[in-house]
Amino acid sequence: MKRAVSISLGSSKRDKKVVVKFKDETISVERIGTDGDLERAKRLYAELDGKIDAFGVGGVDLYARLGEREYPFRAALKLVEHIKQTPLCDGRGLKHTLERRVFELARPLLGEIPHFKQAFVPVALDRVGLAGAAEEVSERVLYGDLMVGLGLPLPIYGLKNYLRVAQMLMPLVSHFPINMLFYGSGGAEHKPKYVKAFQESDLLAGDFLFMRKYMPADLTGKTVLTNTTTEENLELLKSRGIKLVMTTTPRYEGRSFGTNMMEAALTAYAGKGRNLSDAELNTLIDELDLRPTVTRLAE
């Protein structure tokens, strides 16, 4: 059996281990949260290097891909700088393949591709593929990176404008310390913020942890397009009135895993001992019939 392990800086409360089957190959898929303990994460990486088939890097991204260029997050790279043998998957491959194609892949589950007046993406820097998918189905997309990430009351509208701003800021952002790159996943909801952006948007797209941190109590009738959710997360969204939840990755035993974990599973399955290209990932997505998960919480 092949083995893929995601070592996350996030909460250990979200840990999960399952066995998935891709064709005739079984893969042990395991998430290990370190509750923000950098030294523990480094030890786990060192202990498992060369002993498993692929690492998932959870809680932080190693690079941000904007257009044709990838920008390093230097503090995150230091976390894994001693890893020499096992491929490191931070999920950016699936974010530009599986997430970019999410509505195409979900069409058999949705019946038809929906249309939205406005989408709100709280932070798009690590989910530009998902942002591109939201642009295709929305009349307007509001990006909240400056609001959520930097505390500046400056919404950005449209992907072209967003990419222009992001490319200007990345030379600075790439030097951010780890505590600015890792935003935690402990689970406590904070006081609602950016309420107008949430309320005026009928599609909420992006990382679930940012949504949970700031979303208001009433989100009746809205659609959420996100990544990792547990059964508890779905209950929370239902209590806020969310109509439909789409997770970009499949659900296994009641929860979806992050793109880093799923990319590690696919990398382990491929058995090439290296990261997979976008073309290789797209081929596997089609061969293995990987689909998003669509959960209707209300009529």
C-alpha atoms as a PDB file:
ATOM      1  CA  MET A   1       0.000   0.000   0.000  1.00  0.00           C
ATOM      2  CA  LYS A   2       1.280   3.444  -0.905  1.00  0.00           C
ATOM      3  CA  ARG A   3       1.239   6.187   1.683  1.00  0.00           C
ATOM      4  CA  ALA A   4       0.566   9.931   1.481  1.00  0.00           C
ATOM      5  CA  VAL A   5       0.786  12.082   4.613  1.00  0.00           C
ATOM      6  CA  SER A   6      -0.200  15.717   4.971  1.00  0.00           C
ATOM      7  CA  ILE A   7       1.655  17.480   7.757  1.00  0.00           C
ATOM      8  CA  SER A   8      -0.313  20.589   8.612  1.00  0.00           C
ATOM      9  CA  LEU A   9       0.365  23.527  10.868  1.00  0.00           C
ATOM     10  CA  GLY A  10      -3.376  23.513  11.498  1.00  0.00           C
ATOM     11  CA  SER A  11      -5.451  22.018  14.268  1.00  0.00           C
ATOM     12  CA  SER A  12      -5.043  18.352  15.189  1.00  0.00           C
ATOM     13  CA  LYS A  13      -8.823  18.295  15.753  1.00  0.00           C
ATOM     14  CA  ARG A  14      -9.217  18.043  11.989  1.00  0.00           C
ATOM     15  CA  ASP A  15      -6.978  14.967  11.672  1.00  0.00           C
ATOM     16  CA  LYS A  16      -8.223  12.051   9.605  1.00  0.00           C
ATOM     17  CA  LYS A  17      -6.829   8.830   8.177  1.00  0.00           C
ATOM     18  CA  VAL A  18      -8.561   6.841   5.440  1.00  0.00           C
ATOM     19  CA  VAL A  19      -7.676   4.351   2.730  1.00  0.00           C
ATOM     20  CA  VAL A  20      -8.690   5.368  -0.781  1.00  0.00           C
ATOM     21  CA  LYS A  21      -8.663   3.216  -3.888  1.00  0.00           C
ATOM     22  CA  PHE A  22      -7.592   4.555  -7.259  1.00  0.00           C
ATOM     23  CA  LYS A  23      -8.313   1.813  -9.794  1.00  0.00           C
ATOM     24  CA  ASP A  24      -6.472  -1.237  -8.381  1.00  0.00           C
ATOM     25  CA  GLU A  25      -4.125   0.784  -6.134  1.00  0.00           C
ATOM     26  CA  THR A  26      -4.834   1.484  -2.476  1.00  0.00           C
ATOM     27  CA  ILE A  27      -3.426   4.611  -0.883  1.00  0.00           C
ATOM     28  CA  SER A  28      -3.232   5.372   2.828  1.00  0.00           C
ATOM     29  CA  VAL A  29      -4.190   9.038   3.165  1.00  0.00           C
ATOM     30  CA  GLU A  30      -3.460  10.714   6.495  1.00  0.00           C
ATOM     31  CA  ARG A  31      -3.600  14.279   7.781  1.00  0.00           C
ATOM     32  CA  ILE A  32      -1.540  15.153  10.879  1.00  0.00           C
ATOM     33  CA  GLY A  33      -2.115  18.590  12.400  1.00  0.00           C
ATOM     34  CA  THR A  34       0.563  20.129  14.616  1.00  0.00           C
ATOM     35  CA  ASP A  35      -1.481  22.958  16.186  1.00  0.00           C
ATOM     36  CA  GLY A  36       0.926  25.600  14.942  1.00  0.00           C
ATOM     37  CA  ASP A  37       3.997  23.839  16.384  1.00  0.00           C
ATOM     38  CA  LEU A  38       6.699  24.525  13.785  1.00  0.00           C
ATOM     39  CA  GLU A  39       9.319  22.351  15.445  1.00  0.00           C
ATOM     40  CA  ARG A  40       6.982  19.358  15.617  1.00  0.00           C
ATOM     41  CA  ALA A  41       6.132  19.807  11.949  1.00  0.00           C
ATOM     42  CA  LYS A  42       9.842  19.891  11.039  1.00  0.00           C
ATOM     43  CA  ARG A  43      10.468  16.721  13.059  1.00  0.00           C
ATOM     44  CA  LEU A  44       7.622  14.876  11.352  1.00  0.00           C
ATOM     45  CA  TYR A  45       8.866  15.862   7.920  1.00  0.00           C
ATOM     46  CA  ALA A  46      12.374  14.676   8.825  1.00  0.00           C
ATOM     47  CA  GLU A  47      11.151  11.394  10.311  1.00  0.00           C
ATOM     48  CA  LEU A  48       9.025  10.506   7.268  1.00  0.00           C
ATOM     49  CA  ASP A  49      11.301  11.717   4.457  1.00  0.00           C
ATOM     50  CA  GLY A  50      12.073   8.764   2.216  1.00  0.00           C
ATOM     51  CA  LYS A  51       9.652   6.497   4.107  1.00  0.00           C
ATOM     52  CA  ILE A  52       6.403   7.572   2.432  1.00  0.00           C
ATOM     53  CA  ASP A  53       5.425   8.199  -1.182  1.00  0.00           C
ATOM     54  CA  ALA A  54       4.336  11.847  -0.975  1.00  0.00           C
ATOM     55  CA  PHE A  55       3.988  14.685   1.507  1.00  0.00           C
ATOM     56  CA  GLY A  56       1.091  17.091   1.647  1.00  0.00           C
ATOM     57  CA  VAL A  57       2.118  20.508   2.995  1.00  0.00           C
ATOM     58  CA  GLY A  58      -0.840  21.839   4.996  1.00  0.00           C
ATOM     59  CA  GLY A  59      -1.557  25.211   6.583  1.00  0.00           C
ATOM     60  CA  VAL A  60       0.861  27.148   4.380  1.00  0.00           C
ATOM     61  CA  ASP A  61       1.724  27.320   0.705  1.00  0.00           C
ATOM     62  CA  LEU A  62       5.261  26.986  -0.584  1.00  0.00           C
ATOM     63  CA  TYR A  63       4.646  29.109  -3.671  1.00  0.00           C
ATOM     64  CA  ALA A  64       1.944  31.359  -5.113  1.00  0.00           C
ATOM     65  CA  ARG A  65       1.303  30.954  -8.819  1.00  0.00           C
ATOM     66  CA  LEU A  66       0.198  34.142 -10.560  1.00  0.00           C
ATOM     67  CA  GLY A  67      -0.061  33.863 -14.308  1.00  0.00           C
ATOM     68  CA  GLU A  68       3.060  32.151 -15.638  1.00  0.00           C
ATOM     69  CA  ARG A  69       5.210  32.928 -12.608  1.00  0.00           C
ATOM     70  CA  GLU A  70       5.557  31.276  -9.216  1.00  0.00           C
ATOM     71  CA  TYR A  71       6.538  33.377  -6.207  1.00  0.00           C
ATOM     72  CA  PRO A  72       8.178  31.648  -3.212  1.00  0.00           C
ATOM     73  CA  PHE A  73       6.971  31.998   0.364  1.00  0.00           C
ATOM     74  CA  ARG A  74      10.415  31.953   1.912  1.00  0.00           C
ATOM     75  CA  ALA A  75       9.372  31.274   5.511  1.00  0.00           C
ATOM     76  CA  ALA A  76       7.287  28.277   4.422  1.00  0.00           C
ATOM     77  CA  LEU A  77      10.140  26.865   2.351  1.00  0.00           C
ATOM     78  CA  LYS A  78      12.384  26.922   5.417  1.00  0.00           C
ATOM     79  CA  LEU A  79       9.946  24.527   7.073  1.00  0.00           C
ATOM     80  CA  VAL A  80      10.794  21.834   4.513  1.00  0.00           C
ATOM     81  CA  GLU A  81      14.283  22.855   3.405  1.00  0.00           C
ATOM     82  CA  HIS A  82      15.871  19.609   4.608  1.00  0.00           C
ATOM     83  CA  ILE A  83      13.494  17.290   2.726  1.00  0.00           C
ATOM     84  CA  LYS A  84      15.468  15.529   0.006  1.00  0.00           C
ATOM     85  CA  GLN A  85      13.625  12.365  -1.039  1.00  0.00           C
ATOM     86  CA  THR A  86       9.834  12.531  -0.764  1.00  0.00           C
ATOM     87  CA  PRO A  87       7.884  14.864  -3.109  1.00  0.00           C
ATOM     88  CA  LEU A  88       6.306  17.889  -1.400  1.00  0.00           C
ATOM     89  CA  CYS A  89       2.778  18.793  -2.521  1.00  0.00           C
ATOM     90  CA  ASP A  90       1.311  22.074  -1.292  1.00  0.00           C
ATOM     91  CA  GLY A  91      -1.785  21.689  -3.462  1.00  0.00           C
ATOM     92  CA  ARG A  92      -1.074  24.390  -6.001  1.00  0.00           C
ATOM     93  CA  GLY A  93      -1.165  21.829  -8.817  1.00  0.00           C
ATOM     94  CA  LEU A  94      -4.754  20.825  -8.033  1.00  0.00           C
ATOM     95  CA  LYS A  95      -5.687  24.437  -7.374  1.00  0.00           C
ATOM     96  CA  HIS A  96      -4.915  25.175 -11.031  1.00  0.00           C
ATOM     97  CA  THR A  97      -6.479  21.999 -12.428  1.00  0.00           C
ATOM     98  CA  LEU A  98      -9.214  20.445 -10.293  1.00  0.00           C
ATOM     99  CA  GLU A  99     -10.333  23.761  -8.768  1.00  0.00           C
ATOM    100  CA  ARG A 100     -10.102  25.623 -12.076  1.00  0.00           C
ATOM    101  CA  ARG A 101     -12.408  22.986 -13.643  1.00  0.00           C
ATOM    102  CA  VAL A 102     -14.758  22.704 -10.669  1.00  0.00           C
ATOM    103  CA  PHE A 103     -17.983  23.730 -12.424  1.00  0.00           C
ATOM    104  CA  GLU A 104     -17.211  21.628 -15.496  1.00  0.00           C
ATOM    105  CA  LEU A 105     -16.536  18.580 -13.303  1.00  0.00           C
ATOM    106  CA  ALA A 106     -19.568  19.226 -11.087  1.00  0.00           C
ATOM    107  CA  ARG A 107     -22.016  19.703 -13.939  1.00  0.00           C
ATOM    108  CA  PRO A 108     -23.407  16.121 -13.790  1.00  0.00           C
ATOM    109  CA  LEU A 109     -24.134  16.714 -10.090  1.00  0.00           C
ATOM    110  CA  LEU A 110     -25.595  20.182 -10.528  1.00  0.00           C
ATOM    111  CA  GLY A 111     -27.750  19.506 -13.580  1.00  0.00           C
ATOM    112  CA  GLU A 112     -26.668  22.792 -15.117  1.00  0.00           C
ATOM    113  CA  ILE A 113     -23.904  25.282 -14.431  1.00  0.00           C
ATOM    114  CA  PRO A 114     -25.293  28.005 -12.126  1.00  0.00           C
ATOM    115  CA  HIS A 115     -25.107  31.749 -12.615  1.00  0.00           C
ATOM    116  CA  PHE A 116     -24.401  34.264  -9.842  1.00  0.00           C
ATOM    117  CA  LYS A 117     -24.723  38.030  -9.625  1.00  0.00           C
ATOM    118  CA  GLN A 118     -21.668  38.456  -7.394  1.00  0.00           C
ATOM    119  CA  ALA A 119     -19.038  36.175  -5.931  1.00  0.00           C
ATOM    120  CA  PHE A 120     -16.977  37.083  -2.874  1.00  0.00           C
ATOM    121  CA  VAL A 121     -13.505  35.540  -2.586  1.00  0.00           C
ATOM    122  CA  PRO A 122     -12.106  36.549   0.838  1.00  0.00           C
ATOM    123  CA  VAL A 123      -8.525  35.573  -0.099  1.00  0.00           C
ATOM    124  CA  ALA A 124      -7.585  34.540  -3.637  1.00  0.00           C
ATOM    125  CA  LEU A 125      -3.790  34.515  -3.437  1.00  0.00           C
ATOM    126  CA  ASP A 126      -3.621  30.761  -2.876  1.00  0.00           C
ATOM    127  CA  ARG A 127      -6.725  29.945  -4.960  1.00  0.00           C
ATOM    128  CA  VAL A 128      -6.368  31.774  -8.254  1.00  0.00           C
ATOM    129  CA  GLY A 129      -7.727  28.739 -10.117  1.00  0.00           C
ATOM    130  CA  LEU A 130     -10.876  28.805  -8.007  1.00  0.00           C
ATOM    131  CA  ALA A 131     -11.141  32.535  -8.605  1.00  0.00           C
ATOM    132  CA  GLY A 132     -11.007  31.892 -12.341  1.00  0.00           C
ATOM    133  CA  ALA A 133     -13.838  29.380 -11.999  1.00  0.00           C
ATOM    134  CA  ALA A 134     -15.904  31.931 -10.037  1.00  0.00           C
ATOM    135  CA  GLU A 135     -15.303  34.550 -12.747  1.00  0.00           C
ATOM    136  CA  GLU A 136     -16.849  32.262 -15.366  1.00  0.00           C
ATOM    137  CA  VAL A 137     -20.161  31.886 -13.516  1.00  0.00           C
ATOM    138  CA  SER A 138     -20.504  35.344 -11.919  1.00  0.00           C
ATOM    139  CA  GLU A 139     -21.363  38.765 -13.265  1.00  0.00           C
ATOM    140  CA  ARG A 140     -18.912  40.316 -10.829  1.00  0.00           C
ATOM    141  CA  VAL A 141     -16.262  38.977  -8.431  1.00  0.00           C
ATOM    142  CA  LEU A 142     -15.108  40.841  -5.338  1.00  0.00           C
ATOM    143  CA  TYR A 143     -11.639  39.968  -3.993  1.00  0.00           C
ATOM    144  CA  GLY A 144     -10.975  40.629  -0.312  1.00  0.00           C
ATOM    145  CA  ASP A 145      -7.235  40.005  -0.033  1.00  0.00           C
ATOM    146  CA  LEU A 146      -6.399  43.558   0.963  1.00  0.00           C
ATOM    147  CA  MET A 147      -9.253  43.587   3.497  1.00  0.00           C
ATOM    148  CA  VAL A 148      -8.750  40.155   5.038  1.00  0.00           C
ATOM    149  CA  GLY A 149      -5.008  39.749   4.537  1.00  0.00           C
ATOM    150  CA  LEU A 150      -3.774  43.270   5.253  1.00  0.00           C
ATOM    151  CA  GLY A 151      -6.674  44.944   7.074  1.00  0.00           C
ATOM    152  CA  LEU A 152      -7.122  47.591   4.376  1.00  0.00           C
ATOM    153  CA  PRO A 153     -10.734  48.533   3.472  1.00  0.00           C
ATOM    154  CA  LEU A 154     -10.039  48.182  -0.255  1.00  0.00           C
ATOM    155  CA  PRO A 155     -12.105  45.675  -2.246  1.00  0.00           C
ATOM    156  CA  ILE A 156     -10.799  44.623  -5.669  1.00  0.00           C
ATOM    157  CA  TYR A 157     -13.198  43.799  -8.494  1.00  0.00           C
ATOM    158  CA  GLY A 158     -12.282  41.530 -11.383  1.00  0.00           C
ATOM    159  CA  LEU A 159      -9.512  38.962 -11.819  1.00  0.00           C
ATOM    160  CA  LYS A 160      -7.377  41.144 -14.101  1.00  0.00           C
ATOM    161  CA  ASN A 161      -7.318  43.937 -11.527  1.00  0.00           C
ATOM    162  CA  TYR A 162      -6.660  41.429  -8.773  1.00  0.00           C
ATOM    163  CA  LEU A 163      -3.692  39.850 -10.563  1.00  0.00           C
ATOM    164  CA  ARG A 164      -2.218  43.277 -11.242  1.00  0.00           C
ATOM    165  CA  VAL A 165      -2.346  44.178  -7.533  1.00  0.00           C
ATOM    166  CA  ALA A 166      -1.130  40.747  -6.391  1.00  0.00           C
ATOM    167  CA  GLN A 167       1.877  40.798  -8.716  1.00  0.00           C
ATOM    168  CA  MET A 168       2.848  44.204  -7.376  1.00  0.00           C
ATOM    169  CA  LEU A 169       2.653  43.010  -3.765  1.00  0.00           C
ATOM    170  CA  MET A 170       4.248  39.555  -4.082  1.00  0.00           C
ATOM    171  CA  PRO A 171       7.886  40.725  -3.819  1.00  0.00           C
ATOM    172  CA  LEU A 172       6.919  41.979  -0.337  1.00  0.00           C
ATOM    173  CA  VAL A 173       4.505  39.187   0.601  1.00  0.00           C
ATOM    174  CA  SER A 174       7.044  36.489  -0.285  1.00  0.00           C
ATOM    175  CA  HIS A 175       9.144  37.670   2.681  1.00  0.00           C
ATOM    176  CA  PHE A 176       6.300  37.560   5.223  1.00  0.00           C
ATOM    177  CA  PRO A 177       7.096  35.602   8.424  1.00  0.00           C
ATOM    178  CA  ILE A 178       5.372  32.293   9.011  1.00  0.00           C
ATOM    179  CA  ASN A 179       2.862  33.792  11.470  1.00  0.00           C
ATOM    180  CA  MET A 180       1.505  35.971   8.637  1.00  0.00           C
ATOM    181  CA  LEU A 181       1.286  33.048   6.223  1.00  0.00           C
ATOM    182  CA  PHE A 182      -0.327  30.576   8.620  1.00  0.00           C
ATOM    183  CA  TYR A 183      -3.706  31.803   9.857  1.00  0.00           C
ATOM    184  CA  GLY A 184      -4.636  28.941  12.162  1.00  0.00           C
ATOM    185  CA  SER A 185      -7.527  26.482  12.148  1.00  0.00           C
ATOM    186  CA  GLY A 186      -8.568  26.164  15.753  1.00  0.00           C
ATOM    187  CA  GLY A 187     -12.258  26.451  15.038  1.00  0.00           C
ATOM    188  CA  ALA A 188     -13.482  29.417  17.083  1.00  0.00           C
ATOM    189  CA  GLU A 189     -15.705  31.763  15.114  1.00  0.00           C
ATOM    190  CA  HIS A 190     -14.755  35.408  15.372  1.00  0.00           C
ATOM    191  CA  LYS A 191     -16.884  38.495  15.232  1.00  0.00           C
ATOM    192  CA  PRO A 192     -18.457  38.927  11.783  1.00  0.00           C
ATOM    193  CA  LYS A 193     -16.519  41.252   9.527  1.00  0.00           C
ATOM    194  CA  TYR A 194     -16.897  42.453   5.940  1.00  0.00           C
ATOM    195  CA  VAL A 195     -20.611  41.734   6.385  1.00  0.00           C
ATOM    196  CA  LYS A 196     -21.635  43.790   3.351  1.00  0.00           C
ATOM    197  CA  ALA A 197     -19.397  41.745   1.054  1.00  0.00           C
ATOM    198  CA  PHE A 198     -20.906  38.514   2.368  1.00  0.00           C
ATOM    199  CA  GLN A 199     -24.492  39.737   2.220  1.00  0.00           C
ATOM    200  CA  GLU A 200     -24.300  41.232  -1.282  1.00  0.00           C
ATOM    201  CA  SER A 201     -22.768  38.064  -2.781  1.00  0.00           C
ATOM    202  CA  ASP A 202     -24.721  34.959  -3.705  1.00  0.00           C
ATOM    203  CA  LEU A 203     -21.534  32.872  -4.226  1.00  0.00           C
ATOM    204  CA  LEU A 204     -18.900  32.655  -1.476  1.00  0.00           C
ATOM    205  CA  ALA A 205     -15.723  31.077  -2.822  1.00  0.00           C
ATOM    206  CA  GLY A 206     -12.367  30.276  -1.288  1.00  0.00           C
ATOM    207  CA  ASP A 207     -10.719  28.814   1.773  1.00  0.00           C
ATOM    208  CA  PHE A 208     -13.296  27.715   4.333  1.00  0.00           C
ATOM    209  CA  LEU A 209     -11.282  28.938   7.327  1.00  0.00           C
ATOM    210  CA  PHE A 210     -11.418  32.542   6.127  1.00  0.00           C
ATOM    211  CA  MET A 211     -15.160  32.277   5.620  1.00  0.00           C
ATOM    212  CA  ARG A 212     -15.752  30.727   9.018  1.00  0.00           C
ATOM    213  CA  LYS A 213     -13.719  33.405  10.714  1.00  0.00           C
ATOM    214  CA  TYR A 214     -15.704  36.342   9.360  1.00  0.00           C
ATOM    215  CA  MET A 215     -19.066  35.186   8.019  1.00  0.00           C
ATOM    216  CA  PRO A 216     -22.252  36.738   9.477  1.00  0.00           C
ATOM    217  CA  ALA A 217     -25.012  34.725  11.119  1.00  0.00           C
ATOM    218  CA  ASP A 218     -27.453  34.983   8.204  1.00  0.00           C
ATOM    219  CA  LEU A 219     -26.310  33.638   4.843  1.00  0.00           C
ATOM    220  CA  THR A 220     -29.700  32.390   3.699  1.00  0.00           C
ATOM    221  CA  GLY A 221     -29.867  31.022   0.176  1.00  0.00           C
ATOM    222  CA  LYS A 222     -26.198  31.428  -0.690  1.00  0.00           C
ATOM    223  CA  THR A 223     -23.830  28.934  -2.309  1.00  0.00           C
ATOM    224  CA  VAL A 224     -20.417  28.116  -0.849  1.00  0.00           C
ATOM    225  CA  LEU A 225     -17.555  26.888  -3.043  1.00  0.00           C
ATOM    226  CA  THR A 226     -14.676  25.808  -0.848  1.00  0.00           C
ATOM    227  CA  ASN A 227     -12.028  23.232  -0.039  1.00  0.00           C
ATOM    228  CA  THR A 228     -11.885  21.162   3.154  1.00  0.00           C
ATOM    229  CA  THR A 229     -15.025  20.640   5.220  1.00  0.00           C
ATOM    230  CA  THR A 230     -15.938  18.264   8.017  1.00  0.00           C
ATOM    231  CA  GLU A 231     -19.443  17.184   9.004  1.00  0.00           C
ATOM    232  CA  GLU A 232     -19.296  19.785  11.778  1.00  0.00           C
ATOM    233  CA  ASN A 233     -18.445  22.472   9.212  1.00  0.00           C
ATOM    234  CA  LEU A 234     -21.454  21.495   7.115  1.00  0.00           C
ATOM    235  CA  GLU A 235     -23.720  21.754  10.158  1.00  0.00           C
ATOM    236  CA  LEU A 236     -22.373  25.245  10.810  1.00  0.00           C
ATOM    237  CA  LEU A 237     -23.075  26.305   7.233  1.00  0.00           C
ATOM    238  CA  LYS A 238     -26.567  24.828   7.418  1.00  0.00           C
ATOM    239  CA  SER A 239     -27.261  26.810  10.588  1.00  0.00           C
ATOM    240  CA  ARG A 240     -26.298  30.001   8.726  1.00  0.00           C
ATOM    241  CA  GLY A 241     -28.826  29.275   5.968  1.00  0.00           C
ATOM    242  CA  ILE A 242     -26.432  28.177   3.217  1.00  0.00           C
ATOM    243  CA  LYS A 243     -28.337  26.480   0.406  1.00  0.00           C
ATOM    244  CA  LEU A 244     -25.594  24.522  -1.342  1.00  0.00           C
ATOM    245  CA  VAL A 245     -21.981  23.610  -0.602  1.00  0.00           C
ATOM    246  CA  MET A 246     -19.500  22.549  -3.261  1.00  0.00           C
ATOM    247  CA  THR A 247     -16.169  21.169  -2.116  1.00  0.00           C
ATOM    248  CA  THR A 248     -13.537  20.942  -4.815  1.00  0.00           C
ATOM    249  CA  THR A 249     -12.293  17.538  -3.631  1.00  0.00           C
ATOM    250  CA  PRO A 250     -14.227  14.290  -3.056  1.00  0.00           C
ATOM    251  CA  ARG A 251     -15.481  13.325   0.409  1.00  0.00           C
ATOM    252  CA  TYR A 252     -14.102  10.274   2.179  1.00  0.00           C
ATOM    253  CA  GLU A 253     -15.762   8.973   5.330  1.00  0.00           C
ATOM    254  CA  GLY A 254     -17.618  12.226   5.966  1.00  0.00           C
ATOM    255  CA  ARG A 255     -15.005  14.846   5.156  1.00  0.00           C
ATOM    256  CA  SER A 256     -13.169  16.328   2.241  1.00  0.00           C
ATOM    257  CA  PHE A 257      -9.413  16.687   2.316  1.00  0.00           C
ATOM    258  CA  GLY A 258      -7.378  19.696   1.274  1.00  0.00           C
ATOM    259  CA  THR A 259      -5.843  20.005  -2.176  1.00  0.00           C
ATOM    260  CA  ASN A 260      -2.393  19.376  -0.690  1.00  0.00           C
ATOM    261  CA  MET A 261      -3.554  16.014   0.677  1.00  0.00           C
ATOM    262  CA  MET A 262      -5.300  14.978  -2.528  1.00  0.00           C
ATOM    263  CA  GLU A 263      -2.369  16.059  -4.677  1.00  0.00           C
ATOM    264  CA  ALA A 264      -0.092  13.988  -2.444  1.00  0.00           C
ATOM    265  CA  ALA A 265      -2.428  10.996  -2.883  1.00  0.00           C
ATOM    266  CA  LEU A 266      -2.319  11.366  -6.670  1.00  0.00           C
ATOM    267  CA  THR A 267       1.458  11.785  -6.585  1.00  0.00           C
ATOM    268  CA  ALA A 268       1.772   8.605  -4.532  1.00  0.00           C
ATOM    269  CA  TYR A 269      -0.519   6.770  -6.943  1.00  0.00           C
ATOM    270  CA  ALA A 270       1.489   7.903  -9.991  1.00  0.00           C
ATOM    271  CA  GLY A 271       4.664   6.566  -8.381  1.00  0.00           C
ATOM    272  CA  LYS A 272       7.038   8.839 -10.289  1.00  0.00           C
ATOM    273  CA  GLY A 273       8.889  10.050  -7.188  1.00  0.00           C
ATOM    274  CA  ARG A 274       8.347  13.684  -8.177  1.00  0.00           C
ATOM    275  CA  ASN A 275       5.659  16.332  -8.377  1.00  0.00           C
ATOM    276  CA  LEU A 276       3.170  15.988 -11.209  1.00  0.00           C
ATOM    277  CA  SER A 277       2.666  18.553 -13.941  1.00  0.00           C
ATOM    278  CA  ASP A 278      -0.709  20.206 -14.553  1.00  0.00           C
ATOM    279  CA  ALA A 279      -1.155  18.027 -17.644  1.00  0.00           C
ATOM    280  CA  GLU A 280      -0.450  14.866 -15.641  1.00  0.00           C
ATOM    281  CA  LEU A 281      -2.866  15.933 -12.908  1.00  0.00           C
ATOM    282  CA  ASN A 282      -5.607  16.697 -15.424  1.00  0.00           C
ATOM    283  CA  THR A 283      -5.098  13.285 -17.000  1.00  0.00           C
ATOM    284  CA  LEU A 284      -5.461  11.584 -13.609  1.00  0.00           C
ATOM    285  CA  ILE A 285      -8.518  13.676 -12.726  1.00  0.00           C
ATOM    286  CA  ASP A 286     -10.212  12.344 -15.848  1.00  0.00           C
ATOM    287  CA  GLU A 287      -8.901   8.775 -15.614  1.00  0.00           C
ATOM    288  CA  LEU A 288      -9.923   8.399 -11.972  1.00  0.00           C
ATOM    289  CA  ASP A 289     -13.147  10.387 -12.456  1.00  0.00           C
ATOM    290  CA  LEU A 290     -12.373  12.707  -9.560  1.00  0.00           C
ATOM    291  CA  ARG A 291     -15.351  14.943  -8.918  1.00  0.00           C
ATOM    292  CA  PRO A 292     -16.175  17.786  -6.577  1.00  0.00           C
ATOM    293  CA  THR A 293     -18.729  17.077  -3.853  1.00  0.00           C
ATOM    294  CA  VAL A 294     -22.099  18.834  -4.016  1.00  0.00           C
ATOM    295  CA  THR A 295     -24.133  18.951  -0.802  1.00  0.00           C
ATOM    296  CA  ARG A 296     -27.586  20.544  -0.748  1.00  0.00           C
ATOM    297  CA  LEU A 297     -28.329  21.909   2.727  1.00  0.00           C
ATOM    298  CA  ALA A 298     -31.643  23.603   1.926  1.00  0.00           C
ATOM    299  CA  GLU A 299     -34.212  23.710  -0.870  1.00  0.00           C
END
